[in-house]
């Protein structure tokens, strides 16, 4: 299975053509997308995403961490989470996670700004 390659600016093109990613690169990209998607934000499935603002307003780090882990486990190709680190500083969440894909371990670090106060 392949997906369109995306970066922080959107879909990546080369010479006017879409670039596709597959394998481990696709899984890692989809983990990053899952971590950046807010609940109700995704047009194709409003149930997908992480409820950052509500969980953080309630100071519910445990619930938020559980949602993040669930979102990562739902990514097709993730076999398991081996390590999980979570840190919140003001309006930014830092996640460092090690996942097993095709029997090998890969690290993904991501920060998400939720724009709260």
Protein backbone atom coordinates (compact mmCIF):
# COMPACT_ATOMS: atom_id res chain seq x y z
CA UNK A 1 0.00 0.00 0.00
CA UNK A 2 1.22 3.50 -0.82
CA UNK A 3 0.14 6.98 0.20
CA UNK A 4 0.84 10.45 -1.06
CA UNK A 5 3.96 11.88 0.54
CA UNK A 6 3.21 14.87 2.74
CA UNK A 7 5.26 17.29 4.77
CA UNK A 8 4.44 20.30 6.95
CA UNK A 9 3.38 22.26 3.85
CA UNK A 10 1.10 19.58 2.39
CA UNK A 11 1.36 17.14 -0.51
CA UNK A 12 4.88 16.83 -1.94
CA UNK A 13 5.40 17.12 -5.69
CA UNK A 14 8.46 16.45 -7.84
CA UNK A 15 8.49 17.80 -11.39
CA UNK A 16 4.73 18.30 -11.15
CA UNK A 17 4.02 14.70 -10.10
CA UNK A 18 2.89 13.34 -6.76
CA UNK A 19 5.45 11.41 -4.78
CA UNK A 20 4.25 8.19 -3.18
CA UNK A 21 5.57 6.56 0.00
CA UNK A 22 5.27 2.95 1.04
CA UNK A 23 6.57 0.54 3.63
CA UNK A 24 8.04 1.89 6.83
CA UNK A 25 8.10 5.46 5.49
CA UNK A 26 4.31 5.31 4.94
CA UNK A 27 3.68 3.95 8.45
CA UNK A 28 5.84 6.62 10.08
CA UNK A 29 4.16 9.33 8.02
CA UNK A 30 0.73 8.03 9.10
CA UNK A 31 1.83 8.04 12.76
CA UNK A 32 2.82 11.69 12.39
CA UNK A 33 -0.54 12.47 10.77
CA UNK A 34 -2.39 10.66 13.57
CA UNK A 35 -0.50 12.67 16.20
CA UNK A 36 -1.28 15.96 14.43
CA UNK A 37 -4.98 15.31 13.82
CA UNK A 38 -7.44 16.91 16.21
CA UNK A 39 -10.75 15.17 16.94
CA UNK A 40 -13.47 16.01 14.38
CA UNK A 41 -10.86 17.58 12.08
CA UNK A 42 -10.58 14.84 9.46
CA UNK A 43 -13.12 15.22 6.66
CA UNK A 44 -13.33 11.49 5.86
CA UNK A 45 -13.95 10.28 9.43
CA UNK A 46 -14.93 12.84 12.07
CA UNK A 47 -14.38 10.22 14.81
CA UNK A 48 -10.63 10.11 14.15
CA UNK A 49 -8.19 12.36 15.93
CA UNK A 50 -7.05 13.26 19.41
CA UNK A 51 -9.03 15.44 21.81
CA UNK A 52 -6.12 17.69 22.83
CA UNK A 53 -7.99 20.84 23.95
CA UNK A 54 -10.65 19.18 26.11
CA UNK A 55 -8.25 16.75 27.77
CA UNK A 56 -5.73 19.49 28.51
CA UNK A 57 -8.34 21.92 29.84
CA UNK A 58 -9.34 19.17 32.26
CA UNK A 59 -5.64 18.53 33.06
CA UNK A 60 -6.23 14.92 32.09
CA UNK A 61 -2.79 13.82 30.90
CA UNK A 62 -3.56 10.13 31.51
CA UNK A 63 -6.63 10.25 29.25
CA UNK A 64 -4.74 12.17 26.59
CA UNK A 65 -1.85 9.70 26.64
CA UNK A 66 -4.32 6.84 26.26
CA UNK A 67 -5.91 8.58 23.22
CA UNK A 68 -2.49 9.16 21.65
CA UNK A 69 -1.47 5.51 22.12
CA UNK A 70 -4.78 4.33 20.65
CA UNK A 71 -4.35 6.59 17.61
CA UNK A 72 -0.84 5.22 17.02
CA UNK A 73 -1.93 1.59 17.44
CA UNK A 74 -4.69 2.16 14.85
CA UNK A 75 -2.13 3.05 12.17
CA UNK A 76 -1.93 0.13 9.75
CA UNK A 77 1.53 -1.42 10.01
CA UNK A 78 2.21 -0.61 13.68
CA UNK A 79 2.77 -3.92 15.44
CA UNK A 80 3.22 -2.49 18.94
CA UNK A 81 4.43 0.45 20.96
CA UNK A 82 7.72 -0.31 22.66
CA UNK A 83 8.41 3.05 24.33
CA UNK A 84 6.26 6.13 24.97
CA UNK A 85 7.28 9.52 26.35
CA UNK A 86 4.90 12.45 26.80
CA UNK A 87 5.66 15.99 27.93
CA UNK A 88 3.46 19.06 28.00
CA UNK A 89 4.78 22.63 28.09
CA UNK A 90 2.15 25.37 27.97
CA UNK A 91 0.38 24.92 24.61
CA UNK A 92 2.69 22.28 23.12
CA UNK A 93 2.65 18.51 23.55
CA UNK A 94 5.87 16.60 22.89
CA UNK A 95 5.56 12.91 22.09
CA UNK A 96 8.50 10.56 21.61
CA UNK A 97 7.44 7.04 20.75
CA UNK A 98 9.17 3.86 19.61
CA UNK A 99 7.05 1.51 17.54
CA UNK A 100 7.66 -1.88 15.98
CA UNK A 101 7.09 -2.04 12.21
CA UNK A 102 7.92 -5.22 10.28
CA UNK A 103 9.77 -6.54 13.33
CA UNK A 104 12.11 -3.54 13.64
CA UNK A 105 11.94 -0.63 16.06
CA UNK A 106 11.56 2.96 14.82
CA UNK A 107 11.38 6.19 16.79
CA UNK A 108 8.97 8.99 16.01
CA UNK A 109 9.15 12.35 17.75
CA UNK A 110 6.46 14.93 17.21
CA UNK A 111 5.31 18.16 18.81
CA UNK A 112 1.73 19.36 18.55
CA UNK A 113 0.58 22.87 19.35
CA UNK A 114 -3.03 22.93 20.47
CA UNK A 115 -3.35 26.71 20.80
CA UNK A 116 -4.77 26.62 24.31
CA UNK A 117 -3.86 28.89 27.18
